[in-house]
N, C-alpha and C. Protein backbone atom coordinates (compact mmCIF):
# COMPACT_ATOMS: atom_id res chain seq x y z
N MET A 1 5.65 7.97 -27.99
CA MET A 1 4.65 6.95 -28.08
C MET A 1 3.94 6.77 -26.74
N PHE A 2 4.72 6.49 -25.68
CA PHE A 2 4.13 6.32 -24.36
C PHE A 2 4.34 7.58 -23.54
N GLU A 3 3.28 7.98 -22.85
CA GLU A 3 3.41 9.13 -21.96
C GLU A 3 3.95 8.67 -20.63
N LYS A 4 4.86 9.46 -20.09
CA LYS A 4 5.37 9.15 -18.77
C LYS A 4 4.37 9.68 -17.75
N LYS A 5 3.88 8.80 -16.87
CA LYS A 5 2.89 9.20 -15.89
C LYS A 5 3.57 9.91 -14.73
N LYS A 6 2.89 10.94 -14.24
CA LYS A 6 3.39 11.68 -13.10
C LYS A 6 3.20 10.84 -11.84
N ARG A 7 4.20 10.78 -11.03
CA ARG A 7 4.12 10.05 -9.77
C ARG A 7 3.19 10.82 -8.82
N ILE A 8 2.25 10.12 -8.21
CA ILE A 8 1.33 10.74 -7.27
C ILE A 8 2.06 10.95 -5.95
N THR A 9 1.97 12.16 -5.46
CA THR A 9 2.63 12.50 -4.19
C THR A 9 1.59 12.66 -3.09
N ILE A 10 2.05 12.72 -1.88
CA ILE A 10 1.15 12.93 -0.75
C ILE A 10 0.49 14.30 -0.85
N GLU A 11 1.17 15.25 -1.47
CA GLU A 11 0.59 16.58 -1.68
C GLU A 11 -0.61 16.50 -2.64
N ASP A 12 -0.53 15.59 -3.61
CA ASP A 12 -1.64 15.39 -4.54
C ASP A 12 -2.85 14.79 -3.82
N VAL A 13 -2.58 13.89 -2.89
CA VAL A 13 -3.65 13.21 -2.18
C VAL A 13 -4.29 14.11 -1.13
N TYR A 14 -3.46 14.87 -0.43
CA TYR A 14 -3.94 15.75 0.64
C TYR A 14 -3.47 17.19 0.41
N PRO A 15 -4.00 17.85 -0.60
CA PRO A 15 -3.52 19.20 -0.92
C PRO A 15 -3.84 20.25 0.15
N ASP A 16 -4.88 20.01 0.95
CA ASP A 16 -5.26 20.99 1.96
C ASP A 16 -4.54 20.80 3.30
N PHE A 17 -3.75 19.73 3.41
CA PHE A 17 -3.00 19.50 4.64
C PHE A 17 -1.79 20.43 4.70
N THR A 18 -1.38 20.74 5.91
CA THR A 18 -0.13 21.49 6.09
C THR A 18 1.02 20.54 5.78
N PRO A 19 2.22 21.08 5.55
CA PRO A 19 3.36 20.18 5.32
C PRO A 19 3.58 19.18 6.46
N GLU A 20 3.33 19.60 7.68
CA GLU A 20 3.48 18.69 8.82
C GLU A 20 2.43 17.58 8.77
N GLU A 21 1.20 17.93 8.42
CA GLU A 21 0.14 16.93 8.30
C GLU A 21 0.42 15.98 7.15
N GLN A 22 0.95 16.50 6.05
CA GLN A 22 1.30 15.66 4.92
C GLN A 22 2.41 14.68 5.29
N ALA A 23 3.39 15.15 6.05
CA ALA A 23 4.48 14.28 6.48
C ALA A 23 3.94 13.16 7.38
N GLU A 24 3.03 13.51 8.28
CA GLU A 24 2.44 12.50 9.17
C GLU A 24 1.60 11.50 8.37
N ALA A 25 0.83 12.00 7.41
CA ALA A 25 0.00 11.12 6.58
C ALA A 25 0.89 10.17 5.77
N GLU A 26 1.98 10.68 5.22
CA GLU A 26 2.89 9.84 4.46
C GLU A 26 3.53 8.78 5.35
N TYR A 27 3.94 9.18 6.53
CA TYR A 27 4.52 8.22 7.48
C TYR A 27 3.52 7.12 7.81
N ASN A 28 2.27 7.51 8.12
CA ASN A 28 1.24 6.53 8.47
C ASN A 28 0.95 5.59 7.31
N LEU A 29 0.91 6.12 6.09
CA LEU A 29 0.67 5.29 4.92
C LEU A 29 1.80 4.28 4.71
N ARG A 30 3.03 4.74 4.88
CA ARG A 30 4.17 3.83 4.74
C ARG A 30 4.15 2.73 5.80
N GLU A 31 3.85 3.10 7.04
CA GLU A 31 3.79 2.12 8.12
C GLU A 31 2.68 1.10 7.87
N TYR A 32 1.54 1.57 7.39
CA TYR A 32 0.44 0.68 7.07
C TYR A 32 0.85 -0.29 5.96
N ALA A 33 1.48 0.22 4.92
CA ALA A 33 1.93 -0.63 3.82
C ALA A 33 2.92 -1.69 4.31
N LEU A 34 3.83 -1.30 5.19
CA LEU A 34 4.79 -2.26 5.75
C LEU A 34 4.08 -3.32 6.58
N LEU A 35 3.07 -2.93 7.33
CA LEU A 35 2.30 -3.88 8.12
C LEU A 35 1.59 -4.89 7.22
N VAL A 36 0.92 -4.39 6.20
CA VAL A 36 0.21 -5.27 5.26
C VAL A 36 1.20 -6.21 4.56
N TRP A 37 2.34 -5.68 4.15
CA TRP A 37 3.35 -6.51 3.49
C TRP A 37 3.86 -7.60 4.44
N GLY A 38 4.06 -7.23 5.70
CA GLY A 38 4.51 -8.22 6.68
C GLY A 38 3.49 -9.33 6.88
N ILE A 39 2.21 -8.97 6.92
CA ILE A 39 1.16 -9.98 7.05
C ILE A 39 1.16 -10.89 5.84
N TYR A 40 1.26 -10.30 4.66
CA TYR A 40 1.30 -11.10 3.43
C TYR A 40 2.48 -12.06 3.44
N GLU A 41 3.66 -11.57 3.78
CA GLU A 41 4.85 -12.42 3.80
C GLU A 41 4.71 -13.56 4.80
N ARG A 42 4.14 -13.27 5.96
CA ARG A 42 3.97 -14.31 6.97
C ARG A 42 2.99 -15.38 6.49
N VAL A 43 1.86 -14.96 5.92
CA VAL A 43 0.89 -15.92 5.41
C VAL A 43 1.51 -16.73 4.28
N LYS A 44 2.22 -16.08 3.40
CA LYS A 44 2.88 -16.77 2.28
C LYS A 44 3.86 -17.83 2.79
N ARG A 45 4.55 -17.51 3.86
CA ARG A 45 5.54 -18.42 4.42
C ARG A 45 4.88 -19.56 5.20
N GLU A 46 3.88 -19.22 6.02
CA GLU A 46 3.32 -20.20 6.94
C GLU A 46 2.14 -21.00 6.38
N ASN A 47 1.37 -20.40 5.48
CA ASN A 47 0.19 -21.09 4.96
C ASN A 47 -0.16 -20.57 3.56
N PRO A 48 0.67 -20.88 2.58
CA PRO A 48 0.45 -20.34 1.23
C PRO A 48 -0.85 -20.80 0.58
N GLU A 49 -1.43 -21.89 1.08
CA GLU A 49 -2.69 -22.36 0.51
C GLU A 49 -3.80 -21.32 0.67
N ILE A 50 -3.74 -20.55 1.76
CA ILE A 50 -4.74 -19.50 1.98
C ILE A 50 -4.69 -18.48 0.84
N LEU A 51 -3.48 -18.10 0.44
CA LEU A 51 -3.34 -17.14 -0.66
C LEU A 51 -3.90 -17.69 -1.95
N THR A 52 -3.64 -18.96 -2.20
CA THR A 52 -4.16 -19.60 -3.41
C THR A 52 -5.68 -19.56 -3.42
N GLU A 53 -6.29 -19.89 -2.29
CA GLU A 53 -7.75 -19.87 -2.19
C GLU A 53 -8.30 -18.46 -2.36
N MET A 54 -7.64 -17.49 -1.76
CA MET A 54 -8.10 -16.10 -1.87
C MET A 54 -8.02 -15.62 -3.32
N LEU A 55 -6.95 -15.99 -4.02
CA LEU A 55 -6.82 -15.61 -5.41
C LEU A 55 -7.90 -16.26 -6.27
N LYS A 56 -8.22 -17.50 -5.97
CA LYS A 56 -9.27 -18.18 -6.72
C LYS A 56 -10.62 -17.49 -6.54
N LYS A 57 -10.83 -16.93 -5.36
CA LYS A 57 -12.11 -16.28 -5.05
C LYS A 57 -12.05 -14.77 -5.27
N ASP A 58 -10.96 -14.28 -5.84
CA ASP A 58 -10.78 -12.84 -6.11
C ASP A 58 -10.94 -11.99 -4.86
N ARG A 59 -10.32 -12.40 -3.79
CA ARG A 59 -10.41 -11.64 -2.54
C ARG A 59 -9.10 -10.95 -2.20
N VAL A 60 -8.20 -10.88 -3.12
CA VAL A 60 -6.92 -10.19 -2.87
C VAL A 60 -6.90 -8.91 -3.65
């Protein structure tokens, strides 16, 4: 009934990169995601009203 979706890999995103470049790109993407998550968690903890306003204005 439901098709299982293939997980997108860094190789799918950057097929022309060398394995070393793909590893670096994956590392950078993970670090960026952790940074963004940390900012979100801090705002949620320190000033959650900002998140509520952003959601109301569709800016998230």
